[in-house]
């Protein structure tokens, strides 16, 4: 970490990570090829994806070594994934550099904000874990691969990426606040980084110039602690900023802790107050998690999902709202559900057959990183069942010749009874081709209802 080549290597890796992720996502199309496979494997570096697999799929995936590699790197060197490999982290690092150049006078404010919010990181992680254990996958939407994918897809679909704009603005003014406190992956790796084997330390004559404090983008500098805190990105900016070269990258004991260089009187004066605050913060985290669980799990209603999707509410619990299935869909049948349909369903993919039908290409199954859309063969796809409203059907109600729904059915699930359509339930895949093609104005005479 002392080498002059370290910054060049880090910037190079960040550039490759950011550009490749954006390009792979932008070129995600039907039929999905090698690019979609690379994107999927890249996303599997996130430990939260492994937790999701173990929680809902109840099996150890063959790619388990990827998230374990990320956790292992955190145990050795700290948050090197966040500081060197994360594509969203690379984007925010660039944003932070721009913010520090344009808004130089906010340097002290950034530092104060970062240090003020650091204690909330543990309670935020507690909140996410409780929500996760109760059965909600909302925390995964905030992970870097899912959130960055979602916002890029919104841009590609011609929508405004509100969350990306908000996080970018926050980074311009408050440095990497998101990476330090709110990113679920970053907070999880910070917990693992408490045991890291290598870290930056104060080993020389510190003159308390606080240049390292103003330089650190996540408020993890070693000036007040003697050792870089668990949020350290292992970027080395503090070491390069130190005028006396008092900061070194060293090996330490696994049991070595981040002990603050403060007086015993200061500790005694705040101990009682902190314990009381901790109780209320934990209680607040548990209460909010339980409230969100009720809103997300029990509020879930059935919707027509992609072919192979897990049953409700399991689908809403596993889906991380990354939007990749929406991006790859060749018929634009998949759309993100609006907030009006409930928090549980918000931004999850669904189909409105009257607008666009599913072509049963199964591309969405190949790009889903979480398993919310399972790999199901075409003959076993059962998205829903078509039901004919005979009072609206031209053939049944008016006695006219109309068999358009049967002609459009790709799985031959609609038979003809004297030129009147009849649905064969056991063969219906629920793709919505019949509903989409129905010539009746307004609501179709044949509708697909989710299973």
Foldseek 3Di string as FASTA:
>chain_A
DPDPCLLVLQLVQLVCQQVLLLVLLLPQAPPGDPSLVVLLLLVVLQVVLQVLCCQQVVDHDPSNVNVVVCLVCCQAEFQQCLRRHQNVSSVLQVLLVVLCVVPVVLLVVLLVVLVVCLVCQVLLLVLVVLLLNLQAQQLLLLARLQVVLLQSVCVVVVHHSVVVVVCSVCCSRNNNSCLQHPHNRSSVSLVSNQQHFKWKFQADDAPPPCQLSSFDRNNQDCPFQRTGHNSDNSSCRSQVRGPVSRIDIDGDHSPDGRHTPDDPVVCVVCVVVVVVVVVVSNVVSNVVSVVVSCQAQVLDDDAQADWQADDPPNLLSQASLSCSLCSHQPFSQWDADPCVSTPSRGSHIGGDLQVTFHPLPCSSCSNRNNCSRHDDDPQPAARFFKDFQLCQACCNNVVDQDDQLQVQQPQNQWDQDPNHTDGNGSRDNQRSRSQNRAPGPDGHRMHTDGD
